[in-house]
Amino acid sequence: MASNGAVDLKTKLDILERLTKPVKAGETIPTGTWAVLDANEEFVAVTTKTINGMLVWSGTEQPSSRNTQADPIFGDSTETDISSGGVTVLHGKYRAVVDNTGFDDGESYSIGDGLTVLNGVLTPDTGSDPVVAYVMQPVGADNKLSFRSA
């Protein structure tokens, strides 16, 4: 399993797909938050509820996210120039724990609750929201949320 501080992955990283792309100019997308691709194939922070949000494994604050990288995903093995700043997201079925940069810590969470993404963080599903994950363990004294992807 792997950890990078903001995200503690409980699934083997090598069985997940990773996608590394540039970030839209002016965007800051920290590790542990959620992002989507825009029409220009650049990552932007999630601002509305969407099923297309992806967990950021390596955010714009990570020095390693500012290189040219080849990361095969969805049949794409070409190098992507992210020298001006980029992120790597995870795609697939996984379990993870995120610190409070990755979820709305003003909400309450129960085991099995559906989670949606709003403003770049996990938040409880209101019943009609696109669900991207489910709570595995409620927030404890460590102020971390354990979830599994939907």
Protein backbone atom coordinates (compact mmCIF):
# COMPACT_ATOMS: atom_id res chain seq x y z
CA MET A 1 0.00 0.00 0.00
CA ALA A 2 1.13 3.57 -0.47
CA SER A 3 0.87 6.89 1.31
CA ASN A 4 1.85 10.41 0.38
CA GLY A 5 0.71 12.31 3.46
CA ALA A 6 -2.72 13.59 2.43
CA VAL A 7 -3.81 10.23 0.94
CA ASP A 8 -3.21 6.85 2.55
CA LEU A 9 -4.00 4.31 -0.16
CA LYS A 10 -5.24 0.94 1.17
CA THR A 11 -5.14 -0.68 -2.27
CA LYS A 12 -2.00 -1.61 -4.20
CA LEU A 13 -1.03 1.35 -6.37
CA ASP A 14 0.15 -0.91 -9.20
CA ILE A 15 -3.39 -2.21 -9.88
CA LEU A 16 -4.81 1.30 -10.34
CA GLU A 17 -4.73 3.45 -13.42
CA ARG A 18 -2.97 6.78 -13.00
CA LEU A 19 -3.46 9.76 -15.25
CA THR A 20 -1.00 12.66 -15.33
CA LYS A 21 -2.04 15.83 -17.14
CA PRO A 22 -1.36 19.57 -16.97
CA VAL A 23 -3.43 21.83 -14.75
CA LYS A 24 -5.34 24.76 -16.17
CA ALA A 25 -3.43 28.01 -15.73
CA GLY A 26 -4.12 29.61 -12.36
CA GLU A 27 -5.52 26.41 -10.78
CA THR A 28 -4.13 24.93 -7.58
CA ILE A 29 -5.18 21.34 -6.95
CA PRO A 30 -3.70 19.85 -3.74
CA THR A 31 -3.05 16.17 -3.12
CA GLY A 32 -6.10 14.49 -1.57
CA THR A 33 -8.65 16.69 -3.32
CA TRP A 34 -10.65 15.87 -6.46
CA ALA A 35 -10.24 17.09 -10.04
CA VAL A 36 -11.82 16.70 -13.48
CA LEU A 37 -10.53 17.14 -17.01
CA ASP A 38 -11.83 20.13 -18.96
CA ALA A 39 -12.36 20.30 -22.73
CA ASN A 40 -8.67 21.18 -23.22
CA GLU A 41 -7.51 18.00 -21.42
CA GLU A 42 -6.31 20.05 -18.45
CA PHE A 43 -7.24 19.35 -14.84
CA VAL A 44 -9.43 21.76 -12.92
CA ALA A 45 -10.74 21.52 -9.37
CA VAL A 46 -14.24 20.06 -9.05
CA THR A 47 -16.67 22.92 -8.36
CA THR A 48 -20.02 21.20 -9.01
CA LYS A 49 -21.23 17.73 -8.12
CA THR A 50 -20.03 15.28 -10.74
CA ILE A 51 -19.52 11.56 -11.23
CA ASN A 52 -16.32 12.32 -13.18
CA GLY A 53 -14.21 13.53 -10.25
CA MET A 54 -10.90 11.73 -9.69
CA LEU A 55 -8.82 11.60 -6.52
CA VAL A 56 -5.58 13.59 -6.79
CA TRP A 57 -2.63 11.37 -5.85
CA SER A 58 0.06 13.94 -6.63
CA GLY A 59 -1.09 17.55 -6.52
CA THR A 60 0.34 20.82 -7.72
CA GLU A 61 2.23 21.24 -4.43
CA GLN A 62 4.35 18.14 -5.19
CA PRO A 63 7.70 18.85 -6.92
CA SER A 64 7.41 15.54 -8.79
CA SER A 65 4.25 16.76 -10.51
CA ARG A 66 6.17 19.40 -12.42
CA ASN A 67 8.00 17.16 -14.90
CA THR A 68 7.42 15.67 -18.31
CA GLN A 69 6.01 12.20 -17.75
CA ALA A 70 4.66 9.30 -19.77
CA ASP A 71 1.88 7.53 -17.91
CA PRO A 72 -0.07 4.97 -19.92
CA ILE A 73 -3.80 5.18 -19.26
CA PHE A 74 -6.76 4.76 -21.54
CA GLY A 75 -4.33 3.75 -24.29
CA ASP A 76 -2.31 6.98 -24.01
CA SER A 77 1.43 6.38 -23.64
CA THR A 78 2.63 9.69 -25.04
CA GLU A 79 4.63 12.02 -22.87
CA THR A 80 2.69 14.85 -21.29
CA ASP A 81 4.54 18.08 -20.62
CA ILE A 82 3.49 19.25 -17.18
CA SER A 83 6.54 21.37 -16.51
CA SER A 84 4.28 24.31 -15.68
CA GLY A 85 2.47 22.24 -13.06
CA GLY A 86 0.32 19.16 -13.30
CA VAL A 87 -1.36 16.51 -11.23
CA THR A 88 -1.67 12.74 -11.16
CA VAL A 89 -5.08 11.25 -10.36
CA LEU A 90 -6.19 7.72 -9.54
CA HIS A 91 -8.81 5.80 -11.47
CA GLY A 92 -10.26 2.41 -10.57
CA LYS A 93 -11.59 0.58 -7.53
CA TYR A 94 -9.68 1.40 -4.37
CA ARG A 95 -9.86 2.06 -0.65
CA ALA A 96 -8.20 5.12 0.81
CA VAL A 97 -8.00 7.42 3.81
CA VAL A 98 -7.82 11.18 3.30
CA ASP A 99 -7.02 13.95 5.74
CA ASN A 100 -9.29 16.95 6.09
CA THR A 101 -7.96 18.54 2.89
CA GLY A 102 -9.95 15.85 1.03
CA PHE A 103 -13.35 16.00 2.74
CA ASP A 104 -15.76 18.54 4.20
CA ASP A 105 -14.93 18.33 7.92
CA GLY A 106 -18.03 20.37 8.77
CA GLU A 107 -20.25 17.38 7.92
CA SER A 108 -20.92 14.10 9.74
CA TYR A 109 -20.25 10.69 8.20
CA SER A 110 -21.54 7.19 8.92
CA ILE A 111 -20.38 3.82 7.60
CA GLY A 112 -21.99 3.11 4.22
CA ASP A 113 -22.93 6.73 3.47
CA GLY A 114 -22.65 7.68 -0.18
CA LEU A 115 -20.15 10.45 -0.94
CA THR A 116 -20.18 13.00 -3.71
CA VAL A 117 -17.55 15.59 -4.63
CA LEU A 118 -18.22 19.31 -4.29
CA ASN A 119 -15.66 22.11 -4.35
CA GLY A 120 -12.87 19.57 -4.71
CA VAL A 121 -13.66 17.54 -1.57
CA LEU A 122 -15.80 14.59 -0.53
CA THR A 123 -19.12 15.49 1.06
CA PRO A 124 -22.19 13.42 2.00
CA ASP A 125 -24.62 12.50 -0.77
CA THR A 126 -28.00 14.23 -0.33
CA GLY A 127 -29.88 11.36 -1.97
CA SER A 128 -29.81 12.46 -5.60
CA ASP A 129 -26.14 13.33 -6.01
CA PRO A 130 -23.63 11.42 -8.18
CA VAL A 131 -21.92 9.01 -5.76
CA VAL A 132 -18.16 8.54 -6.23
CA ALA A 133 -17.37 6.73 -2.96
CA TYR A 134 -18.76 5.19 0.22
CA VAL A 135 -17.71 5.73 3.84
CA MET A 136 -15.78 2.77 5.25
CA GLN A 137 -15.07 4.30 8.65
CA PRO A 138 -16.36 7.57 10.06
CA VAL A 139 -14.06 10.44 10.92
CA GLY A 140 -12.20 9.74 14.14
CA ALA A 141 -9.97 11.69 16.49
CA ASP A 142 -7.29 11.70 13.77
CA ASN A 143 -9.62 13.83 11.58
CA LYS A 144 -9.33 11.41 8.62
CA LEU A 145 -12.03 9.82 6.48
CA SER A 146 -11.80 6.21 5.26
CA PHE A 147 -13.68 5.42 2.03
CA ARG A 148 -13.90 3.08 -0.95
CA SER A 149 -14.48 4.24 -4.49
CA ALA A 150 -17.88 3.54 -6.05
